[in-house]
Amino acid sequence: MKKMIFEMDGKKVTKEEIDLWELKRLKKEYRFLKRRGFKFSEKFKSSLEERNIDEARKELALLKTTYSPNVFRKLLRKKYILGNFASRIAVSLTTKRKYSIVDIVIPYSSKSPEEVMDSIKKIMLQNTKQHLYINLSTTPDHFVLVSTAENIQEVLEVTGGSPLPNHFFAHYGDEKGLTSVLSEGFTVQAPGTARLKDGTIIGGVRHQIKKEFNGLRFRALVEFPSLVPNYMIKKHQYHLACEFRQWLSYSS
């Protein structure tokens, strides 16, 4: 993995702190899937005990790729119906938003901001076997990440700190309802709305990237309804750090 510096709320967060978050999520999803009959190798349990996150991440992602996305849609349906209902209530009561933001600095990169963002969007929005593996490996809480139409990505995931999953569609290039703006000095962005199947907007993203000295600064930004507890907003920062350190490793 490339050398990266992580910043949350203006403070540096160590790789070890992010690793610990990912390890906890790996253990949680391992217990959840094992109880429902999914088969793991003995090596997986050892990887968790030895804190070998790279090996555990790889096996979990490969396991998920062996199943049709519909398996996870059915598996999590009751839970995401509740999660989506909570999101629907939250957006019906307020149009205000809270932002979950993490900055990731890559000290050295020969790539331009445009090249990196294009690469990330290609991984997210072009359905290939390799891209499916990458998308499912970025965080243990990803269950479905596939493109359903041009610039639209279906997402079934557990956001950081949430007790329930959400099932929604990320519409990249659509800025309807977004309250964030491109941050000063940033030159390239990937904004988009998060919509339920019926089109209800429950949030959105405005990911951004710029050159910084000999490297790059990537800002992952997710908009949530303002009624979402601050605890979840902060925990989602770790979700974002896990996701984008992987996507950036492949793209920068």
C-alpha atoms as a PDB file:
ATOM      1  CA  MET A   1       0.000   0.000   0.000  1.00  0.00           C
ATOM      2  CA  LYS A   2       1.231   3.489  -0.835  1.00  0.00           C
ATOM      3  CA  LYS A   3       2.378   5.763   1.969  1.00  0.00           C
ATOM      4  CA  MET A   4      -0.572   7.863   3.065  1.00  0.00           C
ATOM      5  CA  ILE A   5      -1.354  10.434   5.741  1.00  0.00           C
ATOM      6  CA  PHE A   6      -4.880  10.502   7.157  1.00  0.00           C
ATOM      7  CA  GLU A   7      -6.558  13.578   8.624  1.00  0.00           C
ATOM      8  CA  MET A   8      -9.919  13.791  10.386  1.00  0.00           C
ATOM      9  CA  ASP A   9     -11.275  17.041  11.821  1.00  0.00           C
ATOM     10  CA  GLY A  10      -7.871  18.662  11.255  1.00  0.00           C
ATOM     11  CA  LYS A  11      -5.972  16.001  13.209  1.00  0.00           C
ATOM     12  CA  LYS A  12      -3.752  13.218  11.940  1.00  0.00           C
ATOM     13  CA  VAL A  13      -5.000   9.681  12.446  1.00  0.00           C
ATOM     14  CA  THR A  14      -2.514   6.822  12.335  1.00  0.00           C
ATOM     15  CA  LYS A  15      -2.656   3.853  10.002  1.00  0.00           C
ATOM     16  CA  GLU A  16      -2.827   1.650  13.097  1.00  0.00           C
ATOM     17  CA  GLU A  17      -6.043   3.346  14.253  1.00  0.00           C
ATOM     18  CA  ILE A  18      -7.634   2.737  10.864  1.00  0.00           C
ATOM     19  CA  ASP A  19      -6.361  -0.843  10.867  1.00  0.00           C
ATOM     20  CA  LEU A  20      -8.008  -1.380  14.258  1.00  0.00           C
ATOM     21  CA  TRP A  21     -11.322  -0.081  12.929  1.00  0.00           C
ATOM     22  CA  GLU A  22     -11.089  -2.385   9.910  1.00  0.00           C
ATOM     23  CA  LEU A  23     -10.177  -5.368  12.102  1.00  0.00           C
ATOM     24  CA  LYS A  24     -13.275  -4.810  14.256  1.00  0.00           C
ATOM     25  CA  ARG A  25     -15.460  -4.660  11.145  1.00  0.00           C
ATOM     26  CA  LEU A  26     -13.814  -7.776   9.701  1.00  0.00           C
ATOM     27  CA  LYS A  27     -14.633  -9.654  12.906  1.00  0.00           C
ATOM     28  CA  LYS A  28     -18.212  -8.378  12.922  1.00  0.00           C
ATOM     29  CA  GLU A  29     -18.956  -9.333   9.324  1.00  0.00           C
ATOM     30  CA  TYR A  30     -17.168 -12.688   9.800  1.00  0.00           C
ATOM     31  CA  ARG A  31     -19.458 -13.546  12.730  1.00  0.00           C
ATOM     32  CA  PHE A  32     -22.526 -12.349  10.828  1.00  0.00           C
ATOM     33  CA  LEU A  33     -21.807 -14.346   7.679  1.00  0.00           C
ATOM     34  CA  LYS A  34     -20.614 -17.456   9.494  1.00  0.00           C
ATOM     35  CA  ARG A  35     -23.872 -17.631  11.477  1.00  0.00           C
ATOM     36  CA  ARG A  36     -25.701 -17.624   8.152  1.00  0.00           C
ATOM     37  CA  GLY A  37     -23.791 -20.546   6.715  1.00  0.00           C
ATOM     38  CA  PHE A  38     -20.990 -18.896   4.773  1.00  0.00           C
ATOM     39  CA  LYS A  39     -17.808 -20.980   4.849  1.00  0.00           C
ATOM     40  CA  PHE A  40     -14.433 -19.506   5.800  1.00  0.00           C
ATOM     41  CA  SER A  41     -11.043 -21.186   5.887  1.00  0.00           C
ATOM     42  CA  GLU A  42      -9.291 -21.911   9.163  1.00  0.00           C
ATOM     43  CA  LYS A  43      -6.649 -19.492   7.956  1.00  0.00           C
ATOM     44  CA  PHE A  44      -9.190 -16.667   8.095  1.00  0.00           C
ATOM     45  CA  LYS A  45      -9.722 -17.083  11.828  1.00  0.00           C
ATOM     46  CA  SER A  46      -5.947 -17.191  12.327  1.00  0.00           C
ATOM     47  CA  SER A  47      -5.570 -14.022  10.254  1.00  0.00           C
ATOM     48  CA  LEU A  48      -7.991 -12.225  12.579  1.00  0.00           C
ATOM     49  CA  GLU A  49      -6.228 -13.509  15.695  1.00  0.00           C
ATOM     50  CA  GLU A  50      -2.837 -12.480  14.306  1.00  0.00           C
ATOM     51  CA  ARG A  51      -4.222  -9.141  13.067  1.00  0.00           C
ATOM     52  CA  ASN A  52      -3.210  -9.963   9.513  1.00  0.00           C
ATOM     53  CA  ILE A  53      -5.688  -7.538   7.990  1.00  0.00           C
ATOM     54  CA  ASP A  54      -4.404  -7.862   4.419  1.00  0.00           C
ATOM     55  CA  GLU A  55      -5.046 -11.625   4.314  1.00  0.00           C
ATOM     56  CA  ALA A  56      -8.420 -11.384   6.061  1.00  0.00           C
ATOM     57  CA  ARG A  57      -9.533  -8.565   3.764  1.00  0.00           C
ATOM     58  CA  LYS A  58      -8.558 -10.583   0.706  1.00  0.00           C
ATOM     59  CA  GLU A  59     -10.405 -13.747   1.761  1.00  0.00           C
ATOM     60  CA  LEU A  60     -13.585 -11.924   2.753  1.00  0.00           C
ATOM     61  CA  ALA A  61     -13.702 -10.049  -0.554  1.00  0.00           C
ATOM     62  CA  LEU A  62     -13.014 -13.183  -2.579  1.00  0.00           C
ATOM     63  CA  LEU A  63     -15.751 -15.016  -0.673  1.00  0.00           C
ATOM     64  CA  LYS A  64     -18.261 -12.278  -1.486  1.00  0.00           C
ATOM     65  CA  THR A  65     -17.324 -12.332  -5.185  1.00  0.00           C
ATOM     66  CA  THR A  66     -18.266 -16.017  -5.429  1.00  0.00           C
ATOM     67  CA  TYR A  67     -21.909 -15.147  -4.760  1.00  0.00           C
ATOM     68  CA  SER A  68     -24.400 -13.260  -6.885  1.00  0.00           C
ATOM     69  CA  PRO A  69     -25.221  -9.775  -5.556  1.00  0.00           C
ATOM     70  CA  ASN A  70     -28.788 -11.014  -5.244  1.00  0.00           C
ATOM     71  CA  VAL A  71     -27.680 -13.345  -2.436  1.00  0.00           C
ATOM     72  CA  PHE A  72     -26.738 -10.325  -0.324  1.00  0.00           C
ATOM     73  CA  ARG A  73     -29.798  -8.358  -1.367  1.00  0.00           C
ATOM     74  CA  LYS A  74     -31.960 -11.189  -0.013  1.00  0.00           C
ATOM     75  CA  LEU A  75     -29.768 -11.788   3.036  1.00  0.00           C
ATOM     76  CA  LEU A  76     -29.899  -8.160   4.179  1.00  0.00           C
ATOM     77  CA  ARG A  77     -33.342  -7.208   2.884  1.00  0.00           C
ATOM     78  CA  LYS A  78     -35.158  -7.022   6.240  1.00  0.00           C
ATOM     79  CA  LYS A  79     -32.310  -5.044   7.760  1.00  0.00           C
ATOM     80  CA  TYR A  80     -31.887  -2.559   4.915  1.00  0.00           C
ATOM     81  CA  ILE A  81     -35.641  -1.961   4.727  1.00  0.00           C
ATOM     82  CA  LEU A  82     -35.390  -0.695   8.313  1.00  0.00           C
ATOM     83  CA  GLY A  83     -32.206   1.237   7.542  1.00  0.00           C
ATOM     84  CA  ASN A  84     -33.771   2.874   4.502  1.00  0.00           C
ATOM     85  CA  PHE A  85     -36.932   3.676   6.481  1.00  0.00           C
ATOM     86  CA  ALA A  86     -34.825   5.487   9.092  1.00  0.00           C
ATOM     87  CA  SER A  87     -33.061   7.448   6.338  1.00  0.00           C
ATOM     88  CA  ARG A  88     -36.382   8.319   4.720  1.00  0.00           C
ATOM     89  CA  ILE A  89     -37.736   9.658   8.029  1.00  0.00           C
ATOM     90  CA  ALA A  90     -34.546  11.679   8.613  1.00  0.00           C
ATOM     91  CA  VAL A  91     -34.721  13.445   5.237  1.00  0.00           C
ATOM     92  CA  SER A  92     -38.464  14.074   5.590  1.00  0.00           C
ATOM     93  CA  LEU A  93     -37.847  16.081   8.747  1.00  0.00           C
ATOM     94  CA  THR A  94     -34.991  18.302   7.560  1.00  0.00           C
ATOM     95  CA  THR A  95     -33.142  19.396   4.425  1.00  0.00           C
ATOM     96  CA  LYS A  96     -30.007  20.233   6.390  1.00  0.00           C
ATOM     97  CA  ARG A  97     -26.923  18.050   6.107  1.00  0.00           C
ATOM     98  CA  LYS A  98     -23.930  16.960   8.139  1.00  0.00           C
ATOM     99  CA  TYR A  99     -20.653  16.047   6.477  1.00  0.00           C
ATOM    100  CA  SER A 100     -18.391  13.101   7.181  1.00  0.00           C
ATOM    101  CA  ILE A 101     -14.971  14.052   5.815  1.00  0.00           C
ATOM    102  CA  VAL A 102     -11.527  12.497   5.730  1.00  0.00           C
ATOM    103  CA  ASP A 103      -8.452  13.879   3.956  1.00  0.00           C
ATOM    104  CA  ILE A 104      -5.898  11.431   2.590  1.00  0.00           C
ATOM    105  CA  VAL A 105      -2.519  12.823   1.607  1.00  0.00           C
ATOM    106  CA  ILE A 106      -0.293  10.863  -0.763  1.00  0.00           C
ATOM    107  CA  PRO A 107       3.152  12.483  -0.373  1.00  0.00           C
ATOM    108  CA  TYR A 108       4.517  11.274  -3.716  1.00  0.00           C
ATOM    109  CA  SER A 109       2.608  10.577  -6.918  1.00  0.00           C
ATOM    110  CA  SER A 110       3.308  11.150 -10.594  1.00  0.00           C
ATOM    111  CA  LYS A 111      -0.406  10.988 -11.400  1.00  0.00           C
ATOM    112  CA  SER A 112      -2.577  14.036 -12.032  1.00  0.00           C
ATOM    113  CA  PRO A 113      -5.784  14.620 -10.037  1.00  0.00           C
ATOM    114  CA  GLU A 114      -7.792  13.922 -13.190  1.00  0.00           C
ATOM    115  CA  GLU A 115      -6.056  10.589 -13.758  1.00  0.00           C
ATOM    116  CA  VAL A 116      -6.641   9.439 -10.203  1.00  0.00           C
ATOM    117  CA  MET A 117     -10.304  10.430 -10.071  1.00  0.00           C
ATOM    118  CA  ASP A 118     -10.968   8.883 -13.480  1.00  0.00           C
ATOM    119  CA  SER A 119      -9.363   5.649 -12.294  1.00  0.00           C
ATOM    120  CA  ILE A 120     -11.468   5.538  -9.112  1.00  0.00           C
ATOM    121  CA  LYS A 121     -14.664   6.211 -11.064  1.00  0.00           C
ATOM    122  CA  LYS A 122     -13.751   3.493 -13.545  1.00  0.00           C
ATOM    123  CA  ILE A 123     -13.323   0.971 -10.717  1.00  0.00           C
ATOM    124  CA  MET A 124     -16.655   2.022  -9.208  1.00  0.00           C
ATOM    125  CA  LEU A 125     -18.672   2.203 -12.419  1.00  0.00           C
ATOM    126  CA  GLN A 126     -17.291  -0.404 -14.826  1.00  0.00           C
ATOM    127  CA  ASN A 127     -18.392  -3.929 -13.962  1.00  0.00           C
ATOM    128  CA  THR A 128     -15.462  -6.303 -14.266  1.00  0.00           C
ATOM    129  CA  LYS A 129     -14.375  -9.210 -12.088  1.00  0.00           C
ATOM    130  CA  GLN A 130     -11.331  -7.265 -10.895  1.00  0.00           C
ATOM    131  CA  HIS A 131     -13.357  -4.146 -10.107  1.00  0.00           C
ATOM    132  CA  LEU A 132     -15.909  -6.197  -8.159  1.00  0.00           C
ATOM    133  CA  TYR A 133     -13.142  -7.650  -6.029  1.00  0.00           C
ATOM    134  CA  ILE A 134     -11.585  -4.218  -5.422  1.00  0.00           C
ATOM    135  CA  ASN A 135     -14.923  -2.646  -4.491  1.00  0.00           C
ATOM    136  CA  LEU A 136     -15.813  -5.425  -2.061  1.00  0.00           C
ATOM    137  CA  SER A 137     -12.358  -5.408  -0.491  1.00  0.00           C
ATOM    138  CA  THR A 138     -12.232  -1.688   0.302  1.00  0.00           C
ATOM    139  CA  THR A 139     -14.186  -2.211   3.532  1.00  0.00           C
ATOM    140  CA  PRO A 140     -15.724  -5.294   5.202  1.00  0.00           C
ATOM    141  CA  ASP A 141     -19.077  -3.475   5.276  1.00  0.00           C
ATOM    142  CA  HIS A 142     -19.533  -3.551   1.490  1.00  0.00           C
ATOM    143  CA  PHE A 143     -21.936  -6.218   0.218  1.00  0.00           C
ATOM    144  CA  VAL A 144     -23.074  -4.958  -3.185  1.00  0.00           C
ATOM    145  CA  LEU A 145     -21.235  -2.398  -5.302  1.00  0.00           C
ATOM    146  CA  VAL A 146     -22.151  -2.733  -8.962  1.00  0.00           C
ATOM    147  CA  SER A 147     -22.956  -0.325 -11.762  1.00  0.00           C
ATOM    148  CA  THR A 148     -26.579  -0.466 -12.923  1.00  0.00           C
ATOM    149  CA  ALA A 149     -26.477   2.284 -15.567  1.00  0.00           C
ATOM    150  CA  GLU A 150     -24.117   4.977 -16.806  1.00  0.00           C
ATOM    151  CA  ASN A 151     -22.762   6.872 -13.765  1.00  0.00           C
ATOM    152  CA  ILE A 152     -25.062   4.968 -11.370  1.00  0.00           C
ATOM    153  CA  GLN A 153     -23.723   2.579  -8.739  1.00  0.00           C
ATOM    154  CA  GLU A 154     -25.887   0.309  -6.627  1.00  0.00           C
ATOM    155  CA  VAL A 155     -24.648   0.244  -3.027  1.00  0.00           C
ATOM    156  CA  LEU A 156     -25.586  -2.128  -0.220  1.00  0.00           C
ATOM    157  CA  GLU A 157     -23.423  -1.383   2.774  1.00  0.00           C
ATOM    158  CA  VAL A 158     -23.281  -0.623   6.463  1.00  0.00           C
ATOM    159  CA  THR A 159     -22.172   2.970   6.944  1.00  0.00           C
ATOM    160  CA  GLY A 160     -19.753   3.667   9.777  1.00  0.00           C
ATOM    161  CA  GLY A 161     -21.390   3.481  13.185  1.00  0.00           C
ATOM    162  CA  SER A 162     -24.805   2.437  11.838  1.00  0.00           C
ATOM    163  CA  PRO A 163     -26.566  -0.586  13.357  1.00  0.00           C
ATOM    164  CA  LEU A 164     -28.341  -1.224  10.026  1.00  0.00           C
ATOM    165  CA  PRO A 165     -27.360  -1.420   6.354  1.00  0.00           C
ATOM    166  CA  ASN A 166     -28.658   0.870   3.619  1.00  0.00           C
ATOM    167  CA  HIS A 167     -29.496  -0.018   0.040  1.00  0.00           C
ATOM    168  CA  PHE A 168     -29.283   2.936  -2.320  1.00  0.00           C
ATOM    169  CA  PHE A 169     -28.036   4.132  -5.695  1.00  0.00           C
ATOM    170  CA  ALA A 170     -25.204   6.637  -6.081  1.00  0.00           C
ATOM    171  CA  HIS A 171     -25.901   8.930  -9.051  1.00  0.00           C
ATOM    172  CA  TYR A 172     -22.561  10.500  -9.985  1.00  0.00           C
ATOM    173  CA  GLY A 173     -22.771  13.845 -11.747  1.00  0.00           C
ATOM    174  CA  ASP A 174     -26.140  14.599 -10.134  1.00  0.00           C
ATOM    175  CA  GLU A 175     -25.842  17.432  -7.584  1.00  0.00           C
ATOM    176  CA  LYS A 176     -29.527  17.876  -6.768  1.00  0.00           C
ATOM    177  CA  GLY A 177     -29.962  18.661  -3.083  1.00  0.00           C
ATOM    178  CA  LEU A 178     -26.252  18.697  -2.263  1.00  0.00           C
ATOM    179  CA  THR A 179     -25.287  21.391   0.230  1.00  0.00           C
ATOM    180  CA  SER A 180     -21.503  20.930   0.070  1.00  0.00           C
ATOM    181  CA  VAL A 181     -19.306  22.884  -2.354  1.00  0.00           C
ATOM    182  CA  LEU A 182     -15.949  22.269  -3.953  1.00  0.00           C
ATOM    183  CA  SER A 183     -13.349  23.178  -1.306  1.00  0.00           C
ATOM    184  CA  GLU A 184     -10.901  25.995  -1.947  1.00  0.00           C
ATOM    185  CA  GLY A 185      -7.872  24.898  -3.939  1.00  0.00           C
ATOM    186  CA  PHE A 186      -9.382  21.637  -5.154  1.00  0.00           C
ATOM    187  CA  THR A 187      -9.614  21.246  -8.895  1.00  0.00           C
ATOM    188  CA  VAL A 188     -11.278  17.882  -9.556  1.00  0.00           C
ATOM    189  CA  GLN A 189     -14.412  16.455  -7.993  1.00  0.00           C
ATOM    190  CA  ALA A 190     -16.904  13.592  -8.187  1.00  0.00           C
ATOM    191  CA  PRO A 191     -20.231  14.776  -6.740  1.00  0.00           C
ATOM    192  CA  GLY A 192     -23.349  12.672  -6.645  1.00  0.00           C
ATOM    193  CA  THR A 193     -26.649  12.029  -4.930  1.00  0.00           C
ATOM    194  CA  ALA A 194     -27.563   8.944  -2.912  1.00  0.00           C
ATOM    195  CA  ARG A 195     -31.072   7.863  -3.856  1.00  0.00           C
ATOM    196  CA  LEU A 196     -33.373   5.084  -2.741  1.00  0.00           C
ATOM    197  CA  LYS A 197     -34.885   2.882  -5.433  1.00  0.00           C
ATOM    198  CA  ASP A 198     -37.919   5.178  -5.664  1.00  0.00           C
ATOM    199  CA  GLY A 199     -35.682   8.203  -6.239  1.00  0.00           C
ATOM    200  CA  THR A 200     -35.816   9.641  -2.705  1.00  0.00           C
ATOM    201  CA  ILE A 201     -32.555  11.500  -2.036  1.00  0.00           C
ATOM    202  CA  ILE A 202     -31.092  10.451   1.328  1.00  0.00           C
ATOM    203  CA  GLY A 203     -27.687  12.119   1.017  1.00  0.00           C
ATOM    204  CA  GLY A 204     -24.790  12.445  -1.330  1.00  0.00           C
ATOM    205  CA  VAL A 205     -21.056  12.744  -1.897  1.00  0.00           C
ATOM    206  CA  ARG A 206     -18.595  15.337  -3.106  1.00  0.00           C
ATOM    207  CA  HIS A 207     -15.227  13.615  -3.351  1.00  0.00           C
ATOM    208  CA  GLN A 208     -12.376  15.952  -4.337  1.00  0.00           C
ATOM    209  CA  ILE A 209      -8.695  15.811  -5.218  1.00  0.00           C
ATOM    210  CA  LYS A 210      -5.877  18.256  -5.912  1.00  0.00           C
ATOM    211  CA  LYS A 211      -2.128  18.352  -6.379  1.00  0.00           C
ATOM    212  CA  GLU A 212      -0.177  19.118  -3.221  1.00  0.00           C
ATOM    213  CA  PHE A 213       3.597  19.564  -3.431  1.00  0.00           C
ATOM    214  CA  ASN A 214       4.968  16.321  -4.940  1.00  0.00           C
ATOM    215  CA  GLY A 215       1.804  14.373  -4.255  1.00  0.00           C
ATOM    216  CA  LEU A 216      -1.947  14.570  -3.927  1.00  0.00           C
ATOM    217  CA  ARG A 217      -4.604  15.446  -1.382  1.00  0.00           C
ATOM    218  CA  PHE A 218      -7.864  13.516  -1.645  1.00  0.00           C
ATOM    219  CA  ARG A 219     -10.909  14.663   0.309  1.00  0.00           C
ATOM    220  CA  ALA A 220     -13.668  12.082   0.739  1.00  0.00           C
ATOM    221  CA  LEU A 221     -16.903  13.831   1.698  1.00  0.00           C
ATOM    222  CA  VAL A 222     -20.281  12.242   2.381  1.00  0.00           C
ATOM    223  CA  GLU A 223     -23.448  14.177   3.142  1.00  0.00           C
ATOM    224  CA  PHE A 224     -25.899  12.757   5.695  1.00  0.00           C
ATOM    225  CA  PRO A 225     -29.234  14.133   6.946  1.00  0.00           C
ATOM    226  CA  SER A 226     -28.490  16.450   9.865  1.00  0.00           C
ATOM    227  CA  LEU A 227     -30.527  14.251  12.222  1.00  0.00           C
ATOM    228  CA  VAL A 228     -27.924  11.481  11.950  1.00  0.00           C
ATOM    229  CA  PRO A 229     -26.070  11.328  15.309  1.00  0.00           C
ATOM    230  CA  ASN A 230     -22.584  12.843  15.421  1.00  0.00           C
ATOM    231  CA  TYR A 231     -21.299   9.464  16.598  1.00  0.00           C
ATOM    232  CA  MET A 232     -22.208   7.931  13.234  1.00  0.00           C
ATOM    233  CA  ILE A 233     -20.761  10.869  11.322  1.00  0.00           C
ATOM    234  CA  LYS A 234     -17.409  10.416  13.069  1.00  0.00           C
ATOM    235  CA  LYS A 235     -17.385   6.633  12.735  1.00  0.00           C
ATOM    236  CA  HIS A 236     -18.068   6.949   9.032  1.00  0.00           C
ATOM    237  CA  GLN A 237     -14.780   8.794   8.715  1.00  0.00           C
ATOM    238  CA  TYR A 238     -13.059   5.487   9.428  1.00  0.00           C
ATOM    239  CA  HIS A 239     -15.261   3.765   6.873  1.00  0.00           C
ATOM    240  CA  LEU A 240     -14.128   6.364   4.319  1.00  0.00           C
ATOM    241  CA  ALA A 241     -10.482   5.984   5.305  1.00  0.00           C
ATOM    242  CA  CYS A 242     -10.693   2.210   4.787  1.00  0.00           C
ATOM    243  CA  GLU A 243     -12.435   2.607   1.436  1.00  0.00           C
ATOM    244  CA  PHE A 244     -10.288   5.245  -0.125  1.00  0.00           C
ATOM    245  CA  ARG A 245      -6.900   4.035   1.041  1.00  0.00           C
ATOM    246  CA  GLN A 246      -7.660   0.955  -1.066  1.00  0.00           C
ATOM    247  CA  TRP A 247      -9.120   2.773  -4.065  1.00  0.00           C
ATOM    248  CA  LEU A 248      -6.230   5.252  -4.008  1.00  0.00           C
ATOM    249  CA  SER A 249      -3.683   2.442  -3.766  1.00  0.00           C
ATOM    250  CA  TYR A 250      -4.980   1.098  -7.068  1.00  0.00           C
ATOM    251  CA  SER A 251      -5.373   4.521  -8.676  1.00  0.00           C
ATOM    252  CA  SER A 252      -2.547   6.813  -7.569  1.00  0.00           C
END
